[in-house]
Amino acid sequence: MNHFDIVWLAQADLPDIPPQALLSHPEQKNHVKGAVPAIKWSGGMALVLDSRLHHDQAWVVVYRAGKTVAGLQVLHDFRHVHDIKEAANGHSMLLTDATGRQHTLELSWLSMVSGSGGAWDNLLPSGTSFMLTNGHDFLMADRDGVGMAVHVEPAAMQWQLRNGCLYNDSTGQALGLGICQKKVVGADDHWQLLPSGELVYGDGGHILCSDPVSSQVWLQARDRSVAHNAWHVQMPGLPTPSEVPEKQVNTLSLHLRVCDDFRAGSGDSISFSINEGKVTQVLASNFERGSYFEVDVDLKGTVGSTPLFIDELKSVELYQKSNGGYGPAWKMQSLDLVVNRAWTNRVVGSDNVWVEEKKDAASWRGCVNWLDWRVPGLQSPLDFAGYTYPVRFLPWLADFFKWRSYQPDKLDGVCQLIGEDKGQILAYELKTNRLIHLPPNGPGDSYTWVYTPQKSILIKAWDQALGRINYIRHSQLAGGKPVVCAGELKIGRMTLSNPVTDIIGLLNDASGHYKPDGGQCLVHVRERLEELGLDTSETRIAYREHG
């Protein structure tokens, strides 16, 4: 029986971190700054790492002999590990994240994956995609079969081990007898990578061999007296920016413009914090009206060493300290956040806010709205001759008397459309702050959507079999504000096997709260869908005729 210990390790003492993962540095008073918790036992070690690919997701990465990745387990709705301790039952570990959410991790699973539990001695990792290389080429699969290659679709070179069988990420089929892809997995289609580098098939009588010249692979009777090419596991690199939205904040800058009005400047010192943090950074001091400042935020100093993602930016606070000069109040014209020199968010627009010193408190606080983030080329507001559709009076009155919420970020299931990811339609759920794939529709359900003047498509699933129960009105999606267009859409799945292909199958202007002219506005929605990388060539457009 293994004995499990919880230790805190400095970054220099950690094994290699998979490219898709990030270290999280919890704040612990009793440990060295920058240390991370780890679970150690005889023959293995486990780290809890944040995922680079999905927000609000973490990985338990298991290392064999403390060095080689043996497998991983995905923790959904978990981020920034804060503490690890043994559970009361003595058979699992209790993991707690920065917001207090908890997961249990079975100790038997850790032993099994690392191979220290006596289950098997297999160097193929479980629970994650990996690549197999002979030192030059990679084992790959496509519709034409299995072979060796270097420059192919990344998913074609990636495999997963499930119940002892190898499945290709691109085709979804199993590697089996005759080195073909099989739809039905047999009892002998199990694979094992030995410390010698041999990739053993079935009962151990055959191994997988490859020819670096012809790129062919074949099964050959295992002969321990003959040296064969050694196979190695390699973890995939990071996806390209087109494959996954890059949301990690690598650089952050704050741009402040002071009004040019009379006496809009101040002789005071202004500092700021991010997300109501305890550490502030100097922004400006003794400035004239019309001044403009650009300040690079010291991320490590203001928000700590824990990786920060763009949707975790919630607020900016300004603090004012009197220098005994003129003032004390000053007038702010605009305040913008810029992430990674690309994403921009106007926290203050044309409000021309007066700011003055408050004792022991922030002088001003601005909320960072996720829907207000913009990227280059998509920053300018829409201009359809200035025409948008307001909520009609009688539907608005019904919303008012029935206390319907006009806060879309507080409503369950409301999402902002993001784009395409691995053949599926990707969206960002506002309430839970996470990325999700929108499922395709059946005959009895659809999606309600609005298109805002800020180029956001907000969407909510509607099960029509439930009638108006839990139905979210278009006015609620838009927060009661005017829209460019509104209606319903259906997502259709073009293929049932891997890789899947989802499309917008139907797009209409069915909205009683706004009653838009689909003949005029749906074309702009279609353009926006194409900007997001969605294929609209098969989309059927339907709208009411307006006389």
Protein backbone atom coordinates (compact mmCIF):
# COMPACT_ATOMS: atom_id res chain seq x y z
CA MET A 1 0.00 0.00 0.00
CA ASN A 2 1.43 3.36 -1.05
CA HIS A 3 1.88 6.17 1.44
CA PHE A 4 0.80 9.55 0.06
CA ASP A 5 2.30 12.85 1.20
CA ILE A 6 1.39 16.44 0.37
CA VAL A 7 4.49 18.52 -0.26
CA TRP A 8 5.12 22.09 -1.45
CA LEU A 9 7.69 22.34 -4.23
CA ALA A 10 9.56 25.30 -5.70
CA GLN A 11 9.19 25.74 -9.44
CA ALA A 12 12.82 24.68 -10.01
CA ASP A 13 12.05 21.27 -8.47
CA LEU A 14 9.05 20.51 -10.70
CA PRO A 15 9.03 18.12 -13.69
CA ASP A 16 8.26 19.38 -17.20
CA ILE A 17 4.80 20.94 -17.44
CA PRO A 18 2.68 19.91 -20.48
CA PRO A 19 2.41 22.81 -22.97
CA GLN A 20 -1.38 22.90 -22.55
CA ALA A 21 -1.11 23.48 -18.79
CA LEU A 22 -0.25 26.38 -16.50
CA LEU A 23 1.17 26.51 -13.01
CA SER A 24 -1.01 28.01 -10.33
CA HIS A 25 0.68 29.67 -7.36
CA PRO A 26 -1.66 29.70 -4.35
CA GLU A 27 -0.93 32.12 -1.56
CA GLN A 28 0.19 30.16 1.48
CA LYS A 29 1.66 31.87 4.55
CA ASN A 30 3.44 28.75 5.78
CA HIS A 31 5.27 27.94 2.54
CA VAL A 32 7.88 29.45 0.26
CA LYS A 33 6.46 32.11 -2.05
CA GLY A 34 5.83 30.67 -5.53
CA ALA A 35 5.64 27.07 -4.26
CA VAL A 36 2.94 24.73 -5.55
CA PRO A 37 1.32 21.76 -3.78
CA ALA A 38 2.05 18.24 -5.01
CA ILE A 39 0.99 14.74 -4.02
CA LYS A 40 3.92 12.33 -3.76
CA TRP A 41 4.10 8.58 -3.23
CA SER A 42 6.48 5.74 -3.97
CA GLY A 43 7.01 5.75 -7.74
CA GLY A 44 4.81 8.73 -8.58
CA MET A 45 3.79 12.32 -8.16
CA ALA A 46 0.73 14.41 -9.12
CA LEU A 47 0.31 18.14 -9.74
CA VAL A 48 -2.90 20.14 -10.10
CA LEU A 49 -2.41 22.50 -13.05
CA ASP A 50 -4.64 25.04 -14.77
CA SER A 51 -5.68 24.38 -18.36
CA ARG A 52 -4.52 26.82 -21.04
CA LEU A 53 -7.28 25.65 -23.37
CA HIS A 54 -10.41 25.94 -21.24
CA HIS A 55 -11.25 28.49 -18.63
CA ASP A 56 -12.54 27.11 -15.31
CA GLN A 57 -10.84 23.79 -15.90
CA ALA A 58 -7.84 22.17 -14.25
CA TRP A 59 -5.82 18.98 -14.78
CA VAL A 60 -4.48 16.46 -12.31
CA VAL A 61 -1.26 15.45 -14.08
CA VAL A 62 0.32 12.20 -12.86
CA TYR A 63 4.04 11.62 -13.31
CA ARG A 64 5.70 8.21 -13.32
CA ALA A 65 8.86 8.15 -11.18
CA GLY A 66 8.24 11.88 -10.71
CA LYS A 67 9.39 12.74 -14.26
CA THR A 68 7.36 11.23 -17.13
CA VAL A 69 3.69 12.08 -17.72
CA ALA A 70 1.69 8.93 -17.04
CA GLY A 71 -1.82 10.34 -17.37
CA LEU A 72 -4.21 13.04 -16.34
CA GLN A 73 -7.72 13.66 -15.09
CA VAL A 74 -9.75 16.72 -16.07
CA LEU A 75 -11.44 18.71 -13.30
CA HIS A 76 -14.36 20.74 -14.61
CA ASP A 77 -15.51 23.88 -12.77
CA PHE A 78 -12.17 24.11 -10.95
CA ARG A 79 -9.35 26.64 -11.29
CA HIS A 80 -6.32 27.88 -9.32
CA VAL A 81 -5.70 25.12 -6.77
CA HIS A 82 -5.61 26.60 -3.27
CA ASP A 83 -5.18 23.61 -1.00
CA ILE A 84 -4.78 19.82 -1.02
CA LYS A 85 -5.46 17.65 2.01
CA GLU A 86 -6.37 14.07 2.77
CA ALA A 87 -10.11 13.42 2.83
CA ALA A 88 -11.79 12.08 5.97
CA ASN A 89 -12.36 8.65 4.37
CA GLY A 90 -8.59 8.09 4.04
CA HIS A 91 -8.97 6.84 0.45
CA SER A 92 -8.90 10.14 -1.45
CA MET A 93 -7.50 13.64 -1.55
CA LEU A 94 -9.68 16.75 -1.18
CA LEU A 95 -8.75 19.49 -3.68
CA THR A 96 -9.93 23.06 -3.08
CA ASP A 97 -9.66 25.88 -5.61
CA ALA A 98 -9.34 29.64 -5.10
CA THR A 99 -13.12 30.13 -4.91
CA GLY A 100 -13.72 27.28 -2.44
CA ARG A 101 -14.97 24.68 -4.94
CA GLN A 102 -13.87 21.14 -4.14
CA HIS A 103 -13.11 17.88 -5.93
CA THR A 104 -12.12 14.50 -4.53
CA LEU A 105 -9.30 12.49 -6.09
CA GLU A 106 -9.13 8.74 -5.51
CA LEU A 107 -5.72 7.51 -4.34
CA SER A 108 -6.24 4.16 -6.07
CA TRP A 109 -6.50 6.00 -9.41
CA LEU A 110 -3.18 7.75 -8.79
CA SER A 111 -1.48 4.42 -8.06
CA MET A 112 -3.01 2.73 -11.08
CA VAL A 113 -2.09 5.47 -13.56
CA SER A 114 1.50 5.75 -12.35
CA GLY A 115 1.95 1.99 -12.52
CA SER A 116 2.90 1.79 -8.84
CA GLY A 117 -0.31 0.00 -7.94
CA GLY A 118 0.74 -3.21 -9.66
CA ALA A 119 -1.95 -2.91 -12.36
CA TRP A 120 0.43 -2.67 -15.35
CA ASP A 121 3.73 -1.29 -16.52
CA ASN A 122 2.55 0.83 -19.45
CA LEU A 123 4.31 4.07 -20.44
CA LEU A 124 1.34 5.22 -22.55
CA PRO A 125 -0.40 8.09 -20.71
CA SER A 126 -4.11 7.87 -20.02
CA GLY A 127 -6.77 10.56 -20.01
CA THR A 128 -4.99 12.85 -22.48
CA SER A 129 -4.04 13.06 -26.14
CA PHE A 130 -0.42 12.25 -27.01
CA MET A 131 1.78 11.50 -30.03
CA LEU A 132 3.93 8.45 -30.74
CA THR A 133 7.23 8.98 -32.53
CA ASN A 134 10.05 6.71 -33.67
CA GLY A 135 12.49 9.59 -33.27
CA HIS A 136 11.85 11.06 -36.71
CA ASP A 137 8.21 10.63 -37.82
CA PHE A 138 4.90 10.37 -35.99
CA LEU A 139 2.30 7.62 -36.04
CA MET A 140 -0.76 9.04 -37.81
CA ALA A 141 -4.12 7.92 -39.17
CA ASP A 142 -6.55 9.25 -41.75
CA ARG A 143 -9.20 7.83 -44.07
CA ASP A 144 -6.53 6.17 -46.18
CA GLY A 145 -5.07 4.18 -43.31
CA VAL A 146 -2.22 4.27 -40.78
CA GLY A 147 1.37 5.28 -41.40
CA MET A 148 4.21 7.58 -40.42
CA ALA A 149 4.36 11.30 -41.24
CA VAL A 150 5.60 14.64 -39.94
CA HIS A 151 3.57 17.49 -41.43
CA VAL A 152 -0.07 16.46 -41.23
CA GLU A 153 -3.22 17.68 -39.46
CA PRO A 154 -2.27 17.76 -35.74
CA ALA A 155 -5.29 15.67 -34.69
CA ALA A 156 -4.23 12.92 -37.14
CA MET A 157 -1.02 12.43 -35.11
CA GLN A 158 -2.74 12.39 -31.72
CA TRP A 159 -3.95 9.29 -29.91
CA GLN A 160 -5.74 8.48 -26.68
CA LEU A 161 -5.50 5.36 -24.55
CA ARG A 162 -8.90 4.18 -23.34
CA ASN A 163 -9.32 0.78 -21.66
CA GLY A 164 -6.02 -0.32 -23.16
CA CYS A 165 -6.99 0.56 -26.77
CA LEU A 166 -5.48 3.31 -28.91
CA TYR A 167 -7.98 5.71 -30.55
CA ASN A 168 -7.05 8.34 -33.12
CA ASP A 169 -8.24 11.89 -32.36
CA SER A 170 -8.97 12.64 -36.02
CA THR A 171 -10.91 9.57 -37.11
CA GLY A 172 -12.11 8.31 -33.73
CA GLN A 173 -11.39 4.71 -34.70
CA ALA A 174 -9.19 2.19 -32.91
CA LEU A 175 -5.78 0.89 -33.93
CA GLY A 176 -6.00 -2.89 -34.30
CA LEU A 177 -5.03 -6.07 -36.07
CA GLY A 178 -3.41 -5.44 -39.45
CA ILE A 179 -2.67 -1.87 -38.24
CA CYS A 180 -5.98 -0.68 -39.59
CA GLN A 181 -8.65 1.45 -38.01
CA LYS A 182 -11.41 -0.68 -36.59
CA LYS A 183 -14.97 0.31 -35.77
CA VAL A 184 -15.37 -2.72 -33.50
CA VAL A 185 -12.62 -3.18 -30.95
CA GLY A 186 -11.55 -6.74 -30.24
CA ALA A 187 -10.29 -8.26 -27.01
CA ASP A 188 -6.72 -8.36 -28.38
CA ASP A 189 -6.58 -4.72 -29.52
CA HIS A 190 -4.67 -3.59 -26.46
CA TRP A 191 -1.38 -1.70 -26.56
CA GLN A 192 1.46 -1.34 -24.09
CA LEU A 193 4.60 0.79 -24.30
CA LEU A 194 7.44 -0.86 -22.40
CA PRO A 195 10.47 0.92 -20.88
CA SER A 196 12.52 -0.66 -23.71
CA GLY A 197 10.56 1.42 -26.24
CA GLU A 198 8.68 -1.57 -27.64
CA LEU A 199 5.02 -0.91 -28.48
CA VAL A 200 3.47 -4.28 -27.69
CA TYR A 201 0.18 -5.50 -29.14
CA GLY A 202 -2.33 -7.90 -27.62
CA ASP A 203 -0.92 -10.63 -25.42
CA GLY A 204 2.65 -9.42 -25.93
CA GLY A 205 3.62 -11.65 -28.83
CA HIS A 206 3.82 -8.85 -31.42
CA ILE A 207 5.23 -5.34 -31.56
CA LEU A 208 4.63 -2.36 -33.84
CA CYS A 209 7.46 -1.59 -36.28
CA SER A 210 7.97 1.28 -38.73
CA ASP A 211 10.08 2.01 -41.81
CA PRO A 212 11.51 5.56 -41.90
CA VAL A 213 11.87 5.40 -45.70
CA SER A 214 8.50 4.04 -46.84
CA SER A 215 6.56 5.44 -43.83
CA GLN A 216 4.83 2.07 -43.46
CA VAL A 217 3.99 0.37 -40.16
CA TRP A 218 3.39 -3.30 -39.45
CA LEU A 219 3.09 -5.90 -36.71
CA GLN A 220 6.02 -8.24 -36.23
CA ALA A 221 6.62 -11.17 -33.91
CA ARG A 222 8.45 -9.99 -30.84
CA ASP A 223 12.06 -11.20 -30.65
CA ARG A 224 13.89 -10.00 -27.54
CA SER A 225 17.27 -10.84 -29.08
CA VAL A 226 16.77 -8.35 -31.95
CA ALA A 227 16.90 -4.56 -31.44
CA HIS A 228 13.91 -2.72 -32.91
CA ASN A 229 13.16 0.96 -33.29
CA ALA A 230 12.12 2.50 -29.98
CA TRP A 231 8.85 4.39 -29.65
CA HIS A 232 8.56 7.51 -27.50
CA VAL A 233 5.62 9.52 -26.21
CA GLN A 234 5.53 13.23 -27.03
CA MET A 235 2.91 15.63 -25.73
CA PRO A 236 1.19 17.89 -28.28
CA GLY A 237 2.10 21.54 -28.40
CA LEU A 238 -0.29 24.42 -27.96
CA PRO A 239 -3.04 24.87 -30.55
CA THR A 240 -2.78 27.74 -33.00
CA PRO A 241 -4.74 30.90 -32.15
CA SER A 242 -7.35 29.92 -34.75
CA GLU A 243 -8.02 26.65 -32.94
CA VAL A 244 -8.72 28.03 -29.47
CA PRO A 245 -9.47 31.54 -28.23
CA GLU A 246 -6.37 33.00 -26.52
CA LYS A 247 -7.69 34.43 -23.28
CA GLN A 248 -4.66 34.47 -21.01
CA VAL A 249 -3.54 37.97 -20.09
CA ASN A 250 0.14 38.28 -20.95
CA THR A 251 0.23 42.09 -21.01
CA LEU A 252 -2.24 44.62 -19.65
CA SER A 253 -2.15 48.38 -20.03
CA LEU A 254 -4.41 51.16 -18.78
CA HIS A 255 -5.14 54.19 -20.99
CA LEU A 256 -6.59 57.28 -19.28
CA ARG A 257 -7.67 60.54 -20.89
CA VAL A 258 -8.47 63.63 -18.82
CA CYS A 259 -11.17 66.03 -20.03
CA ASP A 260 -10.08 69.28 -21.62
CA ASP A 261 -12.63 71.28 -19.64
CA PHE A 262 -11.61 74.16 -17.40
CA ARG A 263 -10.15 72.90 -14.07
CA ALA A 264 -10.41 69.25 -15.21
CA GLY A 265 -6.82 68.53 -14.10
CA SER A 266 -5.51 68.00 -10.58
CA GLY A 267 -2.37 68.36 -8.50
CA ASP A 268 -3.15 65.10 -6.66
CA SER A 269 -1.59 61.67 -7.16
CA ILE A 270 -3.73 58.96 -8.79
CA SER A 271 -3.10 55.23 -8.38
CA PHE A 272 -5.13 52.18 -9.42
CA SER A 273 -5.81 48.57 -8.55
CA ILE A 274 -7.26 45.66 -10.52
CA ASN A 275 -10.12 43.49 -9.24
CA GLU A 276 -10.16 45.33 -5.90
CA GLY A 277 -6.64 44.09 -5.19
CA LYS A 278 -4.71 45.20 -2.14
CA VAL A 279 -1.72 46.41 -4.19
CA THR A 280 -1.97 49.69 -6.09
CA GLN A 281 0.16 51.13 -8.86
CA VAL A 282 0.83 54.79 -9.64
CA LEU A 283 -1.04 56.13 -12.67
CA ALA A 284 -0.48 59.89 -12.74
CA SER A 285 0.43 62.86 -10.57
CA ASN A 286 -0.02 66.65 -10.87
CA PHE A 287 -1.58 66.59 -14.35
CA GLU A 288 -3.19 69.23 -16.52
CA ARG A 289 -6.53 69.14 -18.29
CA GLY A 290 -6.46 67.25 -21.59
CA SER A 291 -3.65 64.95 -20.36
CA TYR A 292 -3.35 61.38 -21.67
CA PHE A 293 -1.60 58.49 -19.92
CA GLU A 294 -0.69 54.94 -20.99
CA VAL A 295 0.59 52.74 -18.16
CA ASP A 296 1.71 49.10 -18.39
CA VAL A 297 0.23 47.19 -15.48
CA ASP A 298 2.64 45.25 -13.27
CA LEU A 299 0.63 42.04 -13.37
CA LYS A 300 2.77 40.16 -10.87
CA GLY A 301 2.66 43.05 -8.44
CA THR A 302 -1.03 43.91 -8.73
CA VAL A 303 -2.74 40.54 -9.29
CA GLY A 304 -0.03 38.05 -8.23
CA SER A 305 1.73 35.22 -10.04
CA THR A 306 -1.44 33.19 -10.65
CA PRO A 307 -2.27 33.18 -14.41
CA LEU A 308 -4.96 35.73 -15.23
CA PHE A 309 -7.53 35.32 -18.00
CA ILE A 310 -9.32 38.10 -19.81
CA ASP A 311 -12.74 37.21 -18.40
CA GLU A 312 -11.31 37.40 -14.87
CA LEU A 313 -10.82 41.15 -15.24
CA LYS A 314 -13.81 42.42 -13.28
CA SER A 315 -13.04 45.96 -12.13
CA VAL A 316 -10.63 48.90 -12.02
CA GLU A 317 -10.36 51.11 -8.93
CA LEU A 318 -8.84 54.59 -8.80
CA TYR A 319 -7.37 56.02 -5.59
CA GLN A 320 -6.56 59.67 -5.05
CA LYS A 321 -4.07 61.21 -2.63
CA SER A 322 -3.82 64.92 -2.05
CA ASN A 323 -0.48 66.59 -2.75
CA GLY A 324 -1.67 69.95 -1.48
CA GLY A 325 -1.94 71.41 -4.96
CA TYR A 326 -4.95 72.55 -6.98
CA GLY A 327 -7.97 70.30 -7.26
CA PRO A 328 -9.06 68.22 -5.49
CA ALA A 329 -11.62 66.93 -7.99
CA TRP A 330 -10.65 66.13 -11.59
CA LYS A 331 -12.64 65.07 -14.64
CA MET A 332 -12.06 61.75 -16.46
CA GLN A 333 -13.04 61.56 -20.13
CA SER A 334 -12.19 57.92 -20.93
CA LEU A 335 -10.54 54.85 -19.44
CA ASP A 336 -9.55 51.83 -21.53
CA LEU A 337 -7.98 48.46 -20.74
CA VAL A 338 -5.79 46.85 -23.41
CA VAL A 339 -4.89 43.13 -23.17
CA ASN A 340 -2.05 41.56 -25.16
CA ARG A 341 -1.79 44.71 -27.31
CA ALA A 342 -4.98 43.59 -29.06
CA TRP A 343 -8.11 43.30 -26.93
CA THR A 344 -9.57 46.64 -25.76
CA ASN A 345 -12.34 47.44 -23.30
CA ARG A 346 -13.70 50.98 -22.77
CA VAL A 347 -14.55 51.05 -19.08
CA VAL A 348 -15.46 54.75 -19.26
CA GLY A 349 -16.66 56.24 -22.52
CA SER A 350 -18.12 59.70 -22.89
CA ASP A 351 -19.48 59.94 -19.33
CA ASN A 352 -16.97 62.65 -18.27
CA VAL A 353 -16.79 61.42 -14.68
CA TRP A 354 -15.74 63.76 -11.88
CA VAL A 355 -13.39 62.00 -9.43
CA GLU A 356 -12.24 63.21 -6.02
CA GLU A 357 -10.47 61.84 -2.97
CA LYS A 358 -12.35 59.58 -0.56
CA LYS A 359 -10.85 58.77 2.80
CA ASP A 360 -9.85 55.07 3.22
CA ALA A 361 -11.75 54.05 0.07
CA ALA A 362 -11.48 54.00 -3.69
CA SER A 363 -12.31 57.36 -5.29
CA TRP A 364 -13.92 55.60 -8.24
CA ARG A 365 -14.65 52.03 -9.34
CA GLY A 366 -15.46 50.88 -12.87
CA CYS A 367 -16.82 47.47 -13.85
CA VAL A 368 -15.25 45.58 -16.77
CA ASN A 369 -18.04 44.16 -18.94
CA TRP A 370 -17.13 41.02 -20.90
CA LEU A 371 -19.42 42.07 -23.77
CA ASP A 372 -17.39 45.25 -24.28
CA TRP A 373 -14.12 43.56 -25.29
CA ARG A 374 -13.06 44.32 -28.86
CA VAL A 375 -10.31 43.01 -31.16
CA PRO A 376 -8.54 44.79 -34.05
CA GLY A 377 -10.72 45.17 -37.13
CA LEU A 378 -13.91 44.69 -35.12
CA GLN A 379 -13.67 47.68 -32.80
CA SER A 380 -15.84 50.22 -34.57
CA PRO A 381 -19.54 50.19 -33.64
CA LEU A 382 -22.01 49.07 -36.24
CA ASP A 383 -23.52 51.77 -38.41
CA PHE A 384 -26.73 50.88 -40.22
CA ALA A 385 -27.69 54.47 -41.02
CA GLY A 386 -28.14 54.82 -37.26
CA TYR A 387 -31.17 52.50 -37.30
CA THR A 388 -31.76 49.96 -34.54
CA TYR A 389 -34.92 48.38 -33.16
CA PRO A 390 -36.08 49.35 -29.64
CA VAL A 391 -38.25 47.16 -27.42
CA ARG A 392 -41.88 47.76 -28.36
CA PHE A 393 -43.91 49.48 -25.63
CA LEU A 394 -46.49 46.79 -24.78
CA PRO A 395 -43.92 43.93 -24.52
CA TRP A 396 -41.73 46.24 -22.41
CA LEU A 397 -44.70 46.93 -20.15
CA ALA A 398 -45.27 43.17 -19.74
CA ASP A 399 -41.60 42.73 -18.82
CA PHE A 400 -41.92 45.50 -16.24
CA PHE A 401 -45.00 44.12 -14.50
CA LYS A 402 -43.68 40.54 -14.51
CA TRP A 403 -40.31 41.59 -13.06
CA ARG A 404 -38.30 40.03 -15.88
CA SER A 405 -34.59 40.51 -15.46
CA TYR A 406 -32.75 42.80 -17.87
CA GLN A 407 -29.35 41.49 -16.74
CA PRO A 408 -28.31 38.80 -19.26
CA ASP A 409 -25.15 37.92 -17.31
CA LYS A 410 -27.35 36.84 -14.35
CA LEU A 411 -29.58 34.52 -16.40
CA ASP A 412 -28.87 30.79 -16.71
CA GLY A 413 -27.65 29.63 -20.12
CA VAL A 414 -27.20 33.01 -21.83
CA CYS A 415 -24.11 32.90 -24.05
CA GLN A 416 -22.14 35.10 -26.40
CA LEU A 417 -21.33 33.47 -29.73
CA ILE A 418 -17.55 33.14 -30.15
CA GLY A 419 -16.89 31.09 -33.29
CA GLU A 420 -15.98 27.57 -34.39
CA ASP A 421 -13.88 25.02 -32.52
CA LYS A 422 -13.15 21.51 -33.84
CA GLY A 423 -16.25 21.50 -36.03
CA GLN A 424 -18.57 22.69 -33.26
CA ILE A 425 -20.00 26.12 -32.49
CA LEU A 426 -18.25 27.74 -29.53
CA ALA A 427 -19.88 30.18 -27.12
CA TYR A 428 -19.06 31.92 -23.84
CA GLU A 429 -21.59 31.42 -21.03
CA LEU A 430 -21.93 34.77 -19.24
CA LYS A 431 -23.12 33.61 -15.81
CA THR A 432 -20.54 30.85 -15.31
CA ASN A 433 -17.66 32.50 -17.19
CA ARG A 434 -16.80 29.41 -19.24
CA LEU A 435 -16.51 28.31 -22.83
CA ILE A 436 -19.03 25.73 -24.06
CA HIS A 437 -19.93 23.99 -27.31
CA LEU A 438 -23.53 24.66 -28.36
CA PRO A 439 -25.33 21.36 -29.08
CA PRO A 440 -27.19 20.95 -32.38
CA ASN A 441 -30.96 21.33 -32.37
CA GLY A 442 -33.66 18.71 -32.79
CA PRO A 443 -37.11 19.21 -34.28
CA GLY A 444 -38.55 20.62 -31.03
CA ASP A 445 -35.98 23.17 -29.92
CA SER A 446 -34.06 26.20 -31.18
CA TYR A 447 -31.98 29.15 -30.01
CA THR A 448 -33.23 32.66 -29.30
CA TRP A 449 -30.72 35.38 -30.24
CA VAL A 450 -30.14 39.13 -30.48
CA TYR A 451 -27.49 41.11 -32.36
CA THR A 452 -26.37 44.20 -30.44
CA PRO A 453 -24.88 47.41 -31.85
CA GLN A 454 -21.61 46.37 -30.17
CA LYS A 455 -21.36 43.37 -32.59
CA SER A 456 -22.25 40.76 -29.94
CA ILE A 457 -24.58 37.88 -30.78
CA LEU A 458 -26.23 36.79 -27.51
CA ILE A 459 -27.96 33.45 -27.59
CA LYS A 460 -30.09 31.20 -25.34
CA ALA A 461 -31.42 27.68 -25.92
CA TRP A 462 -35.21 27.28 -26.00
CA ASP A 463 -36.93 23.91 -25.57
CA GLN A 464 -40.23 24.56 -27.33
CA ALA A 465 -41.80 21.48 -25.77
CA LEU A 466 -41.83 23.38 -22.46
CA GLY A 467 -43.69 26.29 -23.99
CA ARG A 468 -42.92 29.57 -22.25
CA ILE A 469 -41.55 27.90 -19.10
CA ASN A 470 -38.01 29.22 -18.55
CA TYR A 471 -38.25 31.06 -21.87
CA ILE A 472 -35.97 34.11 -22.03
CA ARG A 473 -37.35 37.01 -24.07
CA HIS A 474 -35.27 38.85 -26.65
CA SER A 475 -35.54 42.00 -24.55
CA GLN A 476 -33.91 40.17 -21.63
CA LEU A 477 -31.00 39.00 -23.81
CA ALA A 478 -30.37 42.60 -24.89
CA GLY A 479 -30.81 44.06 -21.41
CA GLY A 480 -33.80 46.09 -22.59
CA LYS A 481 -31.66 48.03 -25.08
CA PRO A 482 -32.13 48.48 -28.83
CA VAL A 483 -30.77 45.78 -31.16
CA VAL A 484 -29.63 45.57 -34.75
CA CYS A 485 -31.64 42.38 -35.25
CA ALA A 486 -33.27 39.54 -33.28
CA GLY A 487 -34.84 36.18 -33.97
CA GLU A 488 -34.33 32.43 -33.73
CA LEU A 489 -31.77 30.06 -35.20
CA LYS A 490 -31.16 26.34 -35.43
CA ILE A 491 -27.81 24.55 -35.35
CA GLY A 492 -27.56 21.54 -37.65
CA ARG A 493 -24.99 18.73 -37.57
CA MET A 494 -23.78 17.79 -41.04
CA THR A 495 -21.84 14.66 -40.00
CA LEU A 496 -22.51 12.14 -37.25
CA SER A 497 -18.95 10.76 -36.97
CA ASN A 498 -15.61 12.37 -36.23
CA PRO A 499 -14.77 14.99 -37.25
CA VAL A 500 -18.15 16.64 -36.68
CA THR A 501 -19.32 19.69 -38.62
CA ASP A 502 -22.00 21.93 -37.11
CA ILE A 503 -23.55 24.81 -39.06
CA ILE A 504 -26.19 27.50 -38.60
CA GLY A 505 -29.00 25.72 -40.46
CA LEU A 506 -31.79 28.29 -40.03
CA LEU A 507 -31.78 32.00 -39.25
CA ASN A 508 -34.98 34.06 -38.94
CA ASP A 509 -36.34 37.34 -37.52
CA ALA A 510 -39.01 35.89 -35.20
CA SER A 511 -39.10 38.38 -32.33
CA GLY A 512 -42.29 39.79 -30.90
CA HIS A 513 -40.50 42.20 -28.57
CA TYR A 514 -38.54 43.93 -31.37
CA LYS A 515 -40.27 42.91 -34.65
CA PRO A 516 -37.22 43.68 -36.81
CA ASP A 517 -37.27 43.82 -40.59
CA GLY A 518 -35.35 40.65 -41.39
CA GLY A 519 -35.08 41.58 -45.03
CA GLN A 520 -32.94 44.53 -43.94
CA CYS A 521 -31.05 43.32 -40.87
CA LEU A 522 -30.41 39.57 -41.28
CA VAL A 523 -27.76 40.24 -43.90
CA HIS A 524 -25.69 42.00 -41.22
CA VAL A 525 -26.11 39.06 -38.86
CA ARG A 526 -24.90 36.71 -41.57
CA GLU A 527 -21.85 38.91 -42.17
CA ARG A 528 -21.06 38.80 -38.45
CA LEU A 529 -21.35 35.00 -38.37
CA GLU A 530 -18.84 34.81 -41.22
CA GLU A 531 -16.51 37.20 -39.36
CA LEU A 532 -16.60 34.72 -36.47
CA GLY A 533 -15.46 31.94 -38.82
CA LEU A 534 -18.82 30.16 -39.16
CA ASP A 535 -19.85 28.66 -42.50
CA THR A 536 -23.16 30.17 -43.66
CA SER A 537 -23.20 28.69 -47.17
CA GLU A 538 -25.89 26.19 -46.10
CA THR A 539 -27.83 28.60 -43.86
CA ARG A 540 -31.49 29.08 -44.77
CA ILE A 541 -32.67 32.66 -44.19
CA ALA A 542 -36.35 33.24 -43.36
CA TYR A 543 -38.12 36.52 -42.54
CA ARG A 544 -41.51 38.15 -42.57
CA GLU A 545 -42.46 40.43 -45.42
CA HIS A 546 -42.86 44.06 -44.35
CA GLY A 547 -45.19 46.15 -46.47
